[in-house]
Amino acid sequence: MLQFASATGLVRMILIILLIYFGVKILARLLSPFLARFVIKKAEQRFGGQFGQFQKQQQKQKPQKEGEVTIDKIPEQKASNKDVGDYVDFEEID
């Protein structure tokens, strides 16, 4: 059996959709400041924790004398491949 939509059913459905749309829009306006405060507070806690960890690491290190140089990590030495090709010395010609 085929069922056809009535005009009143269509208008009723459109009104319900509009009511839901505007209801969500109004609720979003009312709740967005609270949501923004929550997000900002969480970000502040996360960044504050990272900053606190950085300060603890800095305090653990020995104080250095002025002009003293220390190397924390030595970079890995990459072995050069000598079979790559010939070295050609170029000269500029005027």
N, C-alpha and C. Protein backbone atom coordinates (compact mmCIF):
# COMPACT_ATOMS: atom_id res chain seq x y z
N MET A 1 0.82 -1.18 0.00
CA MET A 1 0.00 0.00 0.00
C MET A 1 0.87 1.24 0.00
N LEU A 2 0.46 2.20 -0.72
CA LEU A 2 1.16 3.48 -0.76
C LEU A 2 0.51 4.44 0.21
N GLN A 3 1.36 5.17 0.92
CA GLN A 3 0.84 6.17 1.84
C GLN A 3 1.33 7.53 1.39
N PHE A 4 0.45 8.49 1.41
CA PHE A 4 0.79 9.84 0.99
C PHE A 4 0.82 10.75 2.21
N ALA A 5 1.73 11.72 2.19
CA ALA A 5 1.84 12.66 3.30
C ALA A 5 0.76 13.72 3.15
N SER A 6 0.16 14.05 4.26
CA SER A 6 -0.85 15.11 4.23
C SER A 6 -0.16 16.45 4.40
N ALA A 7 -0.85 17.50 4.04
CA ALA A 7 -0.30 18.84 4.13
C ALA A 7 -0.09 19.22 5.59
N THR A 8 -1.00 18.81 6.47
CA THR A 8 -0.83 19.15 7.88
C THR A 8 0.35 18.40 8.48
N GLY A 9 0.58 17.17 8.06
CA GLY A 9 1.73 16.41 8.55
C GLY A 9 3.03 17.05 8.11
N LEU A 10 3.07 17.54 6.88
CA LEU A 10 4.28 18.19 6.36
C LEU A 10 4.57 19.47 7.13
N VAL A 11 3.54 20.29 7.35
CA VAL A 11 3.72 21.54 8.09
C VAL A 11 4.15 21.24 9.52
N ARG A 12 3.53 20.23 10.11
CA ARG A 12 3.87 19.83 11.48
C ARG A 12 5.34 19.40 11.58
N MET A 13 5.81 18.61 10.60
CA MET A 13 7.20 18.15 10.60
C MET A 13 8.16 19.32 10.44
N ILE A 14 7.85 20.26 9.55
CA ILE A 14 8.70 21.43 9.35
C ILE A 14 8.77 22.27 10.62
N LEU A 15 7.63 22.44 11.30
CA LEU A 15 7.62 23.20 12.55
C LEU A 15 8.45 22.51 13.63
N ILE A 16 8.37 21.20 13.71
CA ILE A 16 9.17 20.46 14.70
C ILE A 16 10.66 20.62 14.41
N ILE A 17 11.04 20.51 13.14
CA ILE A 17 12.45 20.68 12.76
C ILE A 17 12.94 22.08 13.10
N LEU A 18 12.12 23.11 12.81
CA LEU A 18 12.51 24.49 13.13
C LEU A 18 12.61 24.70 14.63
N LEU A 19 11.69 24.11 15.39
CA LEU A 19 11.72 24.24 16.84
C LEU A 19 12.99 23.60 17.42
N ILE A 20 13.35 22.44 16.91
CA ILE A 20 14.58 21.78 17.37
C ILE A 20 15.80 22.61 16.98
N TYR A 21 15.82 23.14 15.77
CA TYR A 21 16.96 23.94 15.29
C TYR A 21 17.16 25.17 16.18
N PHE A 22 16.07 25.94 16.40
CA PHE A 22 16.20 27.14 17.20
C PHE A 22 16.45 26.82 18.67
N GLY A 23 15.92 25.71 19.16
CA GLY A 23 16.20 25.29 20.54
C GLY A 23 17.66 24.98 20.74
N VAL A 24 18.26 24.25 19.81
CA VAL A 24 19.70 23.93 19.90
C VAL A 24 20.52 25.21 19.77
N LYS A 25 20.10 26.12 18.92
CA LYS A 25 20.83 27.37 18.73
C LYS A 25 20.82 28.20 20.01
N ILE A 26 19.67 28.29 20.68
CA ILE A 26 19.56 29.06 21.92
C ILE A 26 20.37 28.38 23.03
N LEU A 27 20.28 27.06 23.14
CA LEU A 27 21.05 26.34 24.16
C LEU A 27 22.55 26.50 23.93
N ALA A 28 22.97 26.50 22.67
CA ALA A 28 24.40 26.67 22.37
C ALA A 28 24.87 28.04 22.82
N ARG A 29 24.04 29.07 22.63
CA ARG A 29 24.43 30.41 23.07
C ARG A 29 24.52 30.49 24.59
N LEU A 30 23.63 29.80 25.27
CA LEU A 30 23.63 29.85 26.72
C LEU A 30 24.77 29.03 27.32
N LEU A 31 25.11 27.90 26.70
CA LEU A 31 26.11 27.00 27.26
C LEU A 31 27.52 27.24 26.75
N SER A 32 27.69 28.00 25.67
CA SER A 32 29.03 28.20 25.11
C SER A 32 30.00 28.90 26.07
N PRO A 33 29.58 29.89 26.88
CA PRO A 33 30.56 30.47 27.82
C PRO A 33 31.08 29.45 28.84
N PHE A 34 30.19 28.57 29.33
CA PHE A 34 30.63 27.56 30.28
C PHE A 34 31.57 26.56 29.62
N LEU A 35 31.27 26.18 28.40
CA LEU A 35 32.13 25.26 27.66
C LEU A 35 33.49 25.89 27.39
N ALA A 36 33.50 27.17 27.02
CA ALA A 36 34.77 27.87 26.75
C ALA A 36 35.60 27.95 28.02
N ARG A 37 34.98 28.27 29.17
CA ARG A 37 35.73 28.33 30.43
C ARG A 37 36.32 26.97 30.77
N PHE A 38 35.55 25.91 30.55
CA PHE A 38 36.02 24.56 30.84
C PHE A 38 37.24 24.22 29.98
N VAL A 39 37.17 24.52 28.69
CA VAL A 39 38.28 24.22 27.78
C VAL A 39 39.52 25.03 28.14
N ILE A 40 39.32 26.30 28.47
CA ILE A 40 40.46 27.16 28.83
C ILE A 40 41.10 26.68 30.13
N LYS A 41 40.27 26.29 31.10
CA LYS A 41 40.81 25.80 32.37
C LYS A 41 41.63 24.53 32.17
N LYS A 42 41.14 23.61 31.34
CA LYS A 42 41.87 22.38 31.08
C LYS A 42 43.20 22.67 30.38
N ALA A 43 43.19 23.57 29.40
CA ALA A 43 44.43 23.92 28.69
C ALA A 43 45.43 24.57 29.65
N GLU A 44 44.92 25.42 30.55
CA GLU A 44 45.79 26.08 31.52
C GLU A 44 46.42 25.06 32.46
N GLN A 45 45.66 24.08 32.90
CA GLN A 45 46.20 23.05 33.78
C GLN A 45 47.27 22.23 33.06
N ARG A 46 47.00 21.89 31.80
CA ARG A 46 47.96 21.08 31.04
C ARG A 46 49.27 21.84 30.81
N PHE A 47 49.15 23.11 30.37
CA PHE A 47 50.36 23.88 30.11
C PHE A 47 51.08 24.23 31.41
N GLY A 48 50.32 24.47 32.47
CA GLY A 48 50.94 24.75 33.77
C GLY A 48 51.71 23.54 34.27
N GLY A 49 51.18 22.34 34.05
CA GLY A 49 51.88 21.13 34.45
C GLY A 49 53.17 20.95 33.68
N GLN A 50 53.13 21.23 32.40
CA GLN A 50 54.34 21.11 31.59
C GLN A 50 55.38 22.14 32.03
N PHE A 51 54.93 23.35 32.35
CA PHE A 51 55.85 24.39 32.79
C PHE A 51 56.47 24.02 34.13
N GLY A 52 55.66 23.42 35.02
CA GLY A 52 56.17 22.99 36.31
C GLY A 52 57.22 21.90 36.17
N GLN A 53 57.00 20.97 35.24
CA GLN A 53 57.99 19.92 35.01
C GLN A 53 59.28 20.52 34.47
N PHE A 54 59.18 21.53 33.60
CA PHE A 54 60.36 22.18 33.06
C PHE A 54 61.15 22.87 34.16
N GLN A 55 60.44 23.53 35.09
CA GLN A 55 61.13 24.21 36.18
C GLN A 55 61.83 23.21 37.10
N LYS A 56 61.19 22.06 37.34
CA LYS A 56 61.82 21.04 38.19
C LYS A 56 63.10 20.52 37.54
N GLN A 57 63.07 20.33 36.23
CA GLN A 57 64.26 19.86 35.53
C GLN A 57 65.38 20.90 35.61
N GLN A 58 65.02 22.17 35.49
CA GLN A 58 66.03 23.23 35.56
C GLN A 58 66.65 23.31 36.95
N GLN A 59 65.85 23.07 37.99
CA GLN A 59 66.36 23.15 39.34
C GLN A 59 67.27 21.97 39.67
N LYS A 60 67.03 20.81 39.05
CA LYS A 60 67.84 19.63 39.31
C LYS A 60 69.24 19.76 38.73
N GLN A 61 69.38 20.54 37.66
CA GLN A 61 70.69 20.68 37.02
C GLN A 61 71.61 21.50 37.92
N LYS A 62 72.90 21.18 37.82
CA LYS A 62 73.89 21.92 38.60
C LYS A 62 74.01 23.34 38.05
N PRO A 63 74.19 24.30 38.94
CA PRO A 63 74.42 25.67 38.43
C PRO A 63 75.78 25.74 37.74
N GLN A 64 75.83 26.39 36.61
CA GLN A 64 77.08 26.49 35.85
C GLN A 64 77.74 27.83 36.10
N LYS A 65 79.04 27.81 36.03
CA LYS A 65 79.79 29.06 36.14
C LYS A 65 79.67 29.79 34.81
N GLU A 66 79.82 31.09 34.87
CA GLU A 66 79.71 31.89 33.65
C GLU A 66 80.86 31.56 32.71
N GLY A 67 80.54 31.29 31.45
CA GLY A 67 81.54 30.96 30.45
C GLY A 67 81.80 29.47 30.33
N GLU A 68 81.22 28.66 31.21
CA GLU A 68 81.43 27.22 31.18
C GLU A 68 80.49 26.60 30.14
N VAL A 69 80.99 25.66 29.36
CA VAL A 69 80.21 25.03 28.31
C VAL A 69 80.05 23.56 28.63
N THR A 70 78.83 23.06 28.53
CA THR A 70 78.58 21.64 28.70
C THR A 70 77.80 21.11 27.50
N ILE A 71 78.05 19.87 27.16
CA ILE A 71 77.34 19.22 26.06
C ILE A 71 76.54 18.07 26.64
N ASP A 72 75.22 18.15 26.52
CA ASP A 72 74.36 17.12 27.09
C ASP A 72 74.34 15.86 26.23
N LYS A 73 74.33 16.04 24.92
CA LYS A 73 74.21 14.89 24.03
C LYS A 73 75.17 15.08 22.86
N ILE A 74 75.94 14.07 22.59
CA ILE A 74 76.86 14.12 21.47
C ILE A 74 76.12 13.56 20.25
N PRO A 75 76.06 14.31 19.15
CA PRO A 75 75.36 13.80 17.97
C PRO A 75 76.08 12.60 17.37
N GLU A 76 75.29 11.75 16.76
CA GLU A 76 75.87 10.55 16.13
C GLU A 76 76.71 10.94 14.93
N GLN A 77 77.86 10.29 14.79
CA GLN A 77 78.74 10.56 13.66
C GLN A 77 78.30 9.72 12.48
N LYS A 78 78.00 10.34 11.39
CA LYS A 78 77.61 9.61 10.19
C LYS A 78 78.86 9.34 9.36
N ALA A 79 79.03 8.10 9.01
CA ALA A 79 80.19 7.72 8.21
C ALA A 79 79.92 8.13 6.76
N SER A 80 80.90 8.79 6.15
CA SER A 80 80.72 9.19 4.76
C SER A 80 81.08 8.03 3.84
N ASN A 81 80.40 7.95 2.75
CA ASN A 81 80.63 6.90 1.77
C ASN A 81 81.70 7.39 0.80
N LYS A 82 82.84 6.75 0.79
CA LYS A 82 83.95 7.19 -0.05
C LYS A 82 83.80 6.73 -1.50
N ASP A 83 82.87 5.83 -1.77
CA ASP A 83 82.68 5.32 -3.13
C ASP A 83 81.63 6.11 -3.91
N VAL A 84 81.34 7.32 -3.49
CA VAL A 84 80.28 8.10 -4.13
C VAL A 84 80.73 8.62 -5.49
N GLY A 85 81.89 9.17 -5.58
CA GLY A 85 82.35 9.73 -6.85
C GLY A 85 83.66 10.46 -6.69
N ASP A 86 84.10 11.13 -7.75
CA ASP A 86 85.37 11.85 -7.74
C ASP A 86 85.14 13.29 -7.32
N TYR A 87 86.14 13.85 -6.66
CA TYR A 87 86.09 15.25 -6.28
C TYR A 87 86.63 16.07 -7.45
N VAL A 88 85.86 17.09 -7.83
CA VAL A 88 86.27 17.95 -8.94
C VAL A 88 86.43 19.36 -8.40
N ASP A 89 87.61 19.95 -8.58
CA ASP A 89 87.87 21.30 -8.13
C ASP A 89 87.52 22.25 -9.27
N PHE A 90 86.61 23.17 -9.00
CA PHE A 90 86.16 24.10 -10.04
C PHE A 90 86.87 25.43 -9.88
N GLU A 91 87.17 26.04 -11.01
CA GLU A 91 87.76 27.39 -11.00
C GLU A 91 86.88 28.29 -11.82
N GLU A 92 86.70 29.53 -11.36
CA GLU A 92 85.89 30.48 -12.10
C GLU A 92 86.75 31.08 -13.21
N ILE A 93 86.15 31.19 -14.39
CA ILE A 93 86.83 31.78 -15.54
C ILE A 93 86.16 33.10 -15.86
N ASP A 94 86.94 34.16 -15.95
CA ASP A 94 86.39 35.47 -16.27
C ASP A 94 86.26 35.66 -17.74
